[in-house]
Protein backbone atom coordinates (compact mmCIF):
# COMPACT_ATOMS: atom_id res chain seq x y z
CA MET A 1 45.15 24.80 142.09
CA VAL A 2 44.27 21.40 140.63
CA SER A 3 45.65 19.90 137.43
CA LYS A 4 45.29 16.73 135.39
CA LYS A 5 47.10 15.30 132.37
CA VAL A 6 44.98 13.96 129.52
CA SER A 7 45.97 12.23 126.30
CA LEU A 8 43.65 13.16 123.42
CA LYS A 9 41.80 10.27 121.78
CA ASP A 10 40.94 12.32 118.69
CA SER A 11 41.96 15.59 117.08
CA LEU A 12 39.99 18.58 118.26
CA ASP A 13 37.94 20.06 115.42
CA THR A 14 36.07 23.36 115.68
CA ARG A 15 32.86 21.80 116.98
CA GLN A 16 34.69 19.83 119.68
CA ALA A 17 36.74 22.91 120.58
CA ALA A 18 33.51 24.88 121.01
CA LEU A 19 32.11 22.17 123.31
CA PHE A 20 35.36 22.24 125.30
CA VAL A 21 35.17 26.03 125.71
CA GLN A 22 31.47 25.86 126.59
CA THR A 23 32.21 23.29 129.28
CA ALA A 24 35.12 25.29 130.73
CA SER A 25 33.02 28.47 130.72
CA LYS A 26 30.44 26.93 133.07
CA PHE A 27 32.85 27.24 135.96
CA LYS A 28 33.86 30.22 138.06
CA SER A 29 37.43 28.94 138.33
CA ASN A 30 40.19 30.14 136.06
CA VAL A 31 40.66 27.14 133.71
CA LYS A 32 43.82 26.72 131.60
CA ILE A 33 45.08 24.14 129.14
CA SER A 34 48.78 23.55 128.51
CA VAL A 35 50.61 21.80 125.69
CA ASP A 36 54.41 21.75 125.79
CA ASP A 37 55.31 25.36 126.66
CA LYS A 38 51.98 26.91 125.63
CA ASN A 39 49.50 27.73 128.40
CA VAL A 40 46.18 29.25 127.29
CA ASN A 41 42.78 30.20 128.64
CA ALA A 42 40.43 27.22 128.24
CA LYS A 43 37.46 29.59 127.98
CA SER A 44 38.70 31.15 124.72
CA LEU A 45 37.80 29.38 121.48
CA MET A 46 40.56 31.16 119.56
CA CYS A 47 43.16 30.09 122.11
CA ILE A 48 42.03 26.46 121.96
CA ILE A 49 42.03 26.40 118.16
CA SER A 50 45.48 28.00 118.10
CA LEU A 51 46.89 24.99 119.95
CA GLY A 52 46.05 22.69 117.02
CA LEU A 53 45.29 19.77 119.30
CA ALA A 54 45.82 16.47 117.48
CA GLU A 55 45.20 12.84 118.37
CA GLY A 56 47.64 11.45 120.93
CA VAL A 57 48.81 14.84 122.21
CA GLU A 58 49.14 15.03 125.99
CA VAL A 59 47.68 18.17 127.56
CA THR A 60 47.48 19.43 131.11
CA ILE A 61 44.24 20.96 132.31
CA SER A 62 44.44 23.14 135.39
CA ALA A 63 41.97 25.21 137.34
CA ASP A 64 42.21 27.63 140.22
CA GLY A 65 39.12 28.77 142.09
CA VAL A 66 36.09 27.74 144.09
CA ASP A 67 35.03 24.88 141.80
CA GLU A 68 38.47 23.84 140.56
CA VAL A 69 38.18 20.10 141.24
CA VAL A 70 34.89 19.68 139.41
CA ALA A 71 36.07 21.98 136.60
CA VAL A 72 39.20 19.93 135.88
CA GLU A 73 37.35 16.62 135.95
CA GLU A 74 34.49 17.75 133.72
CA VAL A 75 36.70 19.55 131.21
CA ALA A 76 39.01 16.50 131.06
CA THR A 77 36.08 14.24 130.13
CA VAL A 78 35.43 16.37 127.04
CA LEU A 79 38.96 15.64 125.80
CA GLY A 80 39.52 12.11 127.01
């Protein structure tokens, strides 16, 4: 398992959330995003929107699987 902390530059609107989910969905690894005590599937648009990600919030992106390193790095670039 690989993880990385990212501080959001901007709030995540629906279009950006969709791009985030699309990016996470490219990978075979199980990709998660965590904020405080919430840990959700990064491949689910509804889960991402439910987090209400705002500017300055620190999130942790984690992945577990065959392409976990690339998944975490690429997904993190969408947010950071």
